Amino acid sequence: MQAASQSIAFPYGTLAVNVIGCFLIGFLSELAEIRSLFSSDTRAFLIVGILGGFTTFSAFGNETMSLLRDGEQGLALMNVGAHILLGLGAVWLGYTLAYQIWR
């Protein structure tokens, strides 16, 4: 994904994968917790197993440290902020969309 973004300066690919994963986790969590559409085993498999493997916190950490090592403190801070704000926003959006669809 990172190569597709053609960005050397900022890790957009990792950010995109993590935000998409956060959205899907929010969406599926709403269905699992509120709608009881999944068993606890299926929920763990989908959310922790599949989506946990899809998202990549280790790559986020490594890319942030690389930016810091390269003297790009502003980009490193932007990377951390974007992951936190966009990630949490995507989880909220996933929850909200699932709730609106299946209310």
N, C-alpha and C. Protein backbone atom coordinates (compact mmCIF):
# COMPACT_ATOMS: atom_id res chain seq x y z
N MET A 1 0.83 -1.19 0.00
CA MET A 1 0.00 0.00 0.00
C MET A 1 0.87 1.26 0.00
N GLN A 2 1.96 1.22 0.76
CA GLN A 2 2.84 2.39 0.83
C GLN A 2 3.42 2.71 -0.54
N ALA A 3 3.81 1.70 -1.30
CA ALA A 3 4.37 1.93 -2.63
C ALA A 3 3.33 2.55 -3.56
N ALA A 4 2.07 2.17 -3.39
CA ALA A 4 1.01 2.70 -4.25
C ALA A 4 0.80 4.19 -4.01
N SER A 5 1.05 4.67 -2.78
CA SER A 5 0.87 6.08 -2.50
C SER A 5 2.00 6.93 -3.07
N GLN A 6 3.10 6.30 -3.39
CA GLN A 6 4.28 6.96 -3.96
C GLN A 6 4.77 8.12 -3.10
N SER A 7 4.65 7.92 -1.79
CA SER A 7 5.11 8.93 -0.85
C SER A 7 6.31 8.40 -0.09
N ILE A 8 7.39 9.11 -0.18
CA ILE A 8 8.56 8.74 0.60
C ILE A 8 8.54 9.51 1.92
N ALA A 9 8.00 10.71 1.89
CA ALA A 9 8.05 11.58 3.05
C ALA A 9 7.05 11.21 4.14
N PHE A 10 5.89 10.69 3.79
CA PHE A 10 4.85 10.41 4.78
C PHE A 10 4.22 9.06 4.48
N PRO A 11 4.01 8.23 5.49
CA PRO A 11 3.48 6.87 5.29
C PRO A 11 1.96 6.82 5.12
N TYR A 12 1.47 7.37 4.01
CA TYR A 12 0.03 7.39 3.74
C TYR A 12 -0.56 5.98 3.65
N GLY A 13 0.17 5.05 3.10
CA GLY A 13 -0.34 3.69 2.92
C GLY A 13 -0.70 3.04 4.24
N THR A 14 0.19 3.13 5.20
CA THR A 14 -0.07 2.55 6.52
C THR A 14 -1.26 3.25 7.18
N LEU A 15 -1.32 4.56 7.04
CA LEU A 15 -2.44 5.32 7.60
C LEU A 15 -3.75 4.85 6.97
N ALA A 16 -3.78 4.69 5.66
CA ALA A 16 -5.01 4.25 4.98
C ALA A 16 -5.45 2.87 5.45
N VAL A 17 -4.52 1.94 5.53
CA VAL A 17 -4.86 0.58 5.98
C VAL A 17 -5.38 0.61 7.41
N ASN A 18 -4.76 1.38 8.27
CA ASN A 18 -5.19 1.43 9.67
C ASN A 18 -6.54 2.11 9.83
N VAL A 19 -6.82 3.15 9.06
CA VAL A 19 -8.11 3.83 9.14
C VAL A 19 -9.22 2.92 8.60
N ILE A 20 -8.97 2.24 7.50
CA ILE A 20 -9.96 1.28 6.97
C ILE A 20 -10.22 0.18 7.98
N GLY A 21 -9.15 -0.35 8.59
CA GLY A 21 -9.31 -1.38 9.61
C GLY A 21 -10.10 -0.88 10.80
N CYS A 22 -9.85 0.35 11.23
CA CYS A 22 -10.60 0.93 12.35
C CYS A 22 -12.08 1.05 12.01
N PHE A 23 -12.38 1.48 10.80
CA PHE A 23 -13.79 1.58 10.38
C PHE A 23 -14.46 0.21 10.43
N LEU A 24 -13.80 -0.80 9.87
CA LEU A 24 -14.37 -2.15 9.85
C LEU A 24 -14.52 -2.71 11.26
N ILE A 25 -13.56 -2.43 12.13
CA ILE A 25 -13.66 -2.88 13.51
C ILE A 25 -14.86 -2.23 14.20
N GLY A 26 -15.06 -0.95 13.99
CA GLY A 26 -16.22 -0.27 14.57
C GLY A 26 -17.52 -0.83 14.04
N PHE A 27 -17.58 -1.05 12.74
CA PHE A 27 -18.78 -1.58 12.09
C PHE A 27 -19.12 -2.97 12.62
N LEU A 28 -18.14 -3.86 12.62
CA LEU A 28 -18.37 -5.23 13.07
C LEU A 28 -18.61 -5.31 14.58
N SER A 29 -17.96 -4.44 15.35
CA SER A 29 -18.18 -4.42 16.79
C SER A 29 -19.62 -4.03 17.11
N GLU A 30 -20.14 -3.08 16.39
CA GLU A 30 -21.55 -2.69 16.58
C GLU A 30 -22.47 -3.87 16.30
N LEU A 31 -22.21 -4.57 15.21
CA LEU A 31 -23.04 -5.72 14.88
C LEU A 31 -22.90 -6.83 15.92
N ALA A 32 -21.70 -7.03 16.41
CA ALA A 32 -21.44 -8.10 17.37
C ALA A 32 -22.00 -7.77 18.75
N GLU A 33 -21.77 -6.56 19.22
CA GLU A 33 -22.13 -6.20 20.58
C GLU A 33 -23.60 -5.86 20.74
N ILE A 34 -24.12 -5.05 19.86
CA ILE A 34 -25.48 -4.56 20.01
C ILE A 34 -26.49 -5.48 19.34
N ARG A 35 -26.15 -5.98 18.17
CA ARG A 35 -27.08 -6.80 17.40
C ARG A 35 -26.90 -8.30 17.63
N SER A 36 -25.84 -8.68 18.31
CA SER A 36 -25.54 -10.10 18.60
C SER A 36 -25.56 -10.97 17.34
N LEU A 37 -25.00 -10.45 16.25
CA LEU A 37 -24.97 -11.20 15.00
C LEU A 37 -23.84 -12.21 14.93
N PHE A 38 -22.87 -12.09 15.84
CA PHE A 38 -21.73 -13.00 15.85
C PHE A 38 -21.58 -13.63 17.23
N SER A 39 -21.12 -14.86 17.26
CA SER A 39 -20.76 -15.46 18.54
C SER A 39 -19.48 -14.78 19.03
N SER A 40 -19.14 -15.00 20.29
CA SER A 40 -17.92 -14.38 20.81
C SER A 40 -16.68 -14.95 20.10
N ASP A 41 -16.72 -16.21 19.72
CA ASP A 41 -15.59 -16.79 18.98
C ASP A 41 -15.45 -16.19 17.59
N THR A 42 -16.58 -16.00 16.90
CA THR A 42 -16.54 -15.39 15.56
C THR A 42 -16.08 -13.94 15.66
N ARG A 43 -16.57 -13.24 16.67
CA ARG A 43 -16.15 -11.85 16.89
C ARG A 43 -14.65 -11.77 17.10
N ALA A 44 -14.11 -12.62 17.95
CA ALA A 44 -12.66 -12.62 18.20
C ALA A 44 -11.90 -12.95 16.93
N PHE A 45 -12.38 -13.91 16.17
CA PHE A 45 -11.71 -14.28 14.93
C PHE A 45 -11.69 -13.12 13.95
N LEU A 46 -12.83 -12.48 13.75
CA LEU A 46 -12.92 -11.39 12.77
C LEU A 46 -12.18 -10.13 13.22
N ILE A 47 -12.43 -9.71 14.45
CA ILE A 47 -11.91 -8.42 14.90
C ILE A 47 -10.45 -8.53 15.34
N VAL A 48 -10.14 -9.48 16.18
CA VAL A 48 -8.76 -9.60 16.66
C VAL A 48 -7.89 -10.30 15.62
N GLY A 49 -8.40 -11.39 15.06
CA GLY A 49 -7.60 -12.17 14.13
C GLY A 49 -7.43 -11.52 12.77
N ILE A 50 -8.52 -11.42 12.03
CA ILE A 50 -8.46 -10.91 10.65
C ILE A 50 -8.11 -9.42 10.61
N LEU A 51 -8.91 -8.60 11.27
CA LEU A 51 -8.66 -7.15 11.21
C LEU A 51 -7.44 -6.75 12.01
N GLY A 52 -7.13 -7.48 13.07
CA GLY A 52 -5.90 -7.21 13.81
C GLY A 52 -4.67 -7.48 12.96
N GLY A 53 -4.77 -8.50 12.11
CA GLY A 53 -3.68 -8.79 11.19
C GLY A 53 -3.63 -7.83 10.01
N PHE A 54 -4.79 -7.31 9.62
CA PHE A 54 -4.87 -6.37 8.49
C PHE A 54 -4.26 -5.03 8.86
N THR A 55 -4.60 -4.54 10.04
CA THR A 55 -4.03 -3.27 10.49
C THR A 55 -2.61 -3.52 10.99
N THR A 56 -1.84 -2.48 11.06
CA THR A 56 -0.43 -2.69 11.33
C THR A 56 0.16 -1.64 12.25
N PHE A 57 -0.02 -1.87 13.54
CA PHE A 57 0.50 -0.95 14.54
C PHE A 57 2.03 -0.95 14.53
N SER A 58 2.63 -2.11 14.27
CA SER A 58 4.09 -2.18 14.27
C SER A 58 4.68 -1.34 13.14
N ALA A 59 4.05 -1.36 11.97
CA ALA A 59 4.54 -0.53 10.87
C ALA A 59 4.38 0.95 11.21
N PHE A 60 3.26 1.31 11.83
CA PHE A 60 3.03 2.68 12.27
C PHE A 60 4.14 3.12 13.22
N GLY A 61 4.46 2.28 14.20
CA GLY A 61 5.52 2.61 15.15
C GLY A 61 6.87 2.75 14.48
N ASN A 62 7.18 1.83 13.60
CA ASN A 62 8.47 1.87 12.91
C ASN A 62 8.58 3.09 12.00
N GLU A 63 7.53 3.38 11.26
CA GLU A 63 7.57 4.55 10.36
C GLU A 63 7.66 5.85 11.15
N THR A 64 6.98 5.92 12.28
CA THR A 64 7.07 7.12 13.11
C THR A 64 8.49 7.29 13.66
N MET A 65 9.08 6.21 14.12
CA MET A 65 10.46 6.28 14.62
C MET A 65 11.44 6.64 13.50
N SER A 66 11.20 6.13 12.30
CA SER A 66 12.06 6.47 11.16
C SER A 66 11.98 7.96 10.83
N LEU A 67 10.76 8.50 10.89
CA LEU A 67 10.60 9.94 10.66
C LEU A 67 11.37 10.74 11.71
N LEU A 68 11.26 10.33 12.97
CA LEU A 68 12.00 11.01 14.03
C LEU A 68 13.50 10.90 13.82
N ARG A 69 13.97 9.71 13.47
CA ARG A 69 15.40 9.49 13.24
C ARG A 69 15.92 10.35 12.08
N ASP A 70 15.04 10.57 11.08
CA ASP A 70 15.43 11.37 9.92
C ASP A 70 15.26 12.87 10.16
N GLY A 71 14.92 13.25 11.40
CA GLY A 71 14.79 14.67 11.72
C GLY A 71 13.46 15.28 11.30
N GLU A 72 12.48 14.45 10.99
CA GLU A 72 11.18 14.92 10.53
C GLU A 72 10.17 14.90 11.68
N GLN A 73 10.44 15.70 12.71
CA GLN A 73 9.58 15.71 13.89
C GLN A 73 8.15 16.12 13.55
N GLY A 74 8.01 17.08 12.68
CA GLY A 74 6.67 17.52 12.29
C GLY A 74 5.87 16.42 11.61
N LEU A 75 6.51 15.71 10.68
CA LEU A 75 5.83 14.60 10.01
C LEU A 75 5.53 13.46 10.98
N ALA A 76 6.44 13.22 11.92
CA ALA A 76 6.22 12.17 12.91
C ALA A 76 5.01 12.53 13.78
N LEU A 77 4.94 13.75 14.22
CA LEU A 77 3.81 14.21 15.03
C LEU A 77 2.52 14.15 14.22
N MET A 78 2.58 14.55 12.97
CA MET A 78 1.42 14.48 12.09
C MET A 78 0.96 13.02 11.92
N ASN A 79 1.91 12.11 11.79
CA ASN A 79 1.60 10.70 11.63
C ASN A 79 0.87 10.17 12.87
N VAL A 80 1.40 10.48 14.04
CA VAL A 80 0.76 10.03 15.29
C VAL A 80 -0.63 10.64 15.42
N GLY A 81 -0.73 11.94 15.20
CA GLY A 81 -2.03 12.61 15.30
C GLY A 81 -3.05 12.09 14.32
N ALA A 82 -2.61 11.88 13.08
CA ALA A 82 -3.53 11.38 12.06
C ALA A 82 -4.02 9.98 12.40
N HIS A 83 -3.13 9.12 12.86
CA HIS A 83 -3.55 7.77 13.23
C HIS A 83 -4.56 7.80 14.38
N ILE A 84 -4.31 8.62 15.37
CA ILE A 84 -5.21 8.67 16.52
C ILE A 84 -6.56 9.29 16.13
N LEU A 85 -6.53 10.47 15.53
CA LEU A 85 -7.78 11.15 15.20
C LEU A 85 -8.57 10.44 14.13
N LEU A 86 -7.92 10.07 13.03
CA LEU A 86 -8.63 9.41 11.95
C LEU A 86 -9.05 7.99 12.34
N GLY A 87 -8.20 7.32 13.11
CA GLY A 87 -8.54 5.97 13.55
C GLY A 87 -9.76 5.96 14.46
N LEU A 88 -9.74 6.81 15.48
CA LEU A 88 -10.89 6.88 16.38
C LEU A 88 -12.15 7.37 15.65
N GLY A 89 -11.97 8.32 14.76
CA GLY A 89 -13.10 8.79 13.96
C GLY A 89 -13.67 7.69 13.08
N ALA A 90 -12.80 6.86 12.53
CA ALA A 90 -13.26 5.76 11.68
C ALA A 90 -14.00 4.70 12.48
N VAL A 91 -13.53 4.40 13.70
CA VAL A 91 -14.25 3.45 14.55
C VAL A 91 -15.64 4.00 14.86
N TRP A 92 -15.72 5.27 15.23
CA TRP A 92 -17.00 5.90 15.52
C TRP A 92 -17.91 5.86 14.29
N LEU A 93 -17.36 6.17 13.11
CA LEU A 93 -18.16 6.14 11.89
C LEU A 93 -18.66 4.73 11.60
N GLY A 94 -17.83 3.73 11.81
CA GLY A 94 -18.25 2.35 11.61
C GLY A 94 -19.39 1.97 12.54
N TYR A 95 -19.25 2.30 13.83
CA TYR A 95 -20.32 2.05 14.79
C TYR A 95 -21.61 2.74 14.35
N THR A 96 -21.49 4.02 14.01
CA THR A 96 -22.66 4.82 13.64
C THR A 96 -23.34 4.28 12.39
N LEU A 97 -22.57 3.95 11.38
CA LEU A 97 -23.15 3.45 10.14
C LEU A 97 -23.85 2.11 10.36
N ALA A 98 -23.23 1.22 11.09
CA ALA A 98 -23.87 -0.08 11.38
C ALA A 98 -25.15 0.12 12.16
N TYR A 99 -25.15 1.04 13.12
CA TYR A 99 -26.34 1.32 13.90
C TYR A 99 -27.45 1.87 13.00
N GLN A 100 -27.11 2.80 12.12
CA GLN A 100 -28.11 3.41 11.23
C GLN A 100 -28.69 2.39 10.26
N ILE A 101 -27.89 1.48 9.79
CA ILE A 101 -28.35 0.48 8.82
C ILE A 101 -29.27 -0.52 9.48
N TRP A 102 -28.92 -0.97 10.69
CA TRP A 102 -29.65 -2.05 11.34
C TRP A 102 -30.44 -1.63 12.57
N ARG A 103 -30.94 -0.41 12.60
CA ARG A 103 -31.72 0.00 13.78
C ARG A 103 -33.15 -0.43 13.65
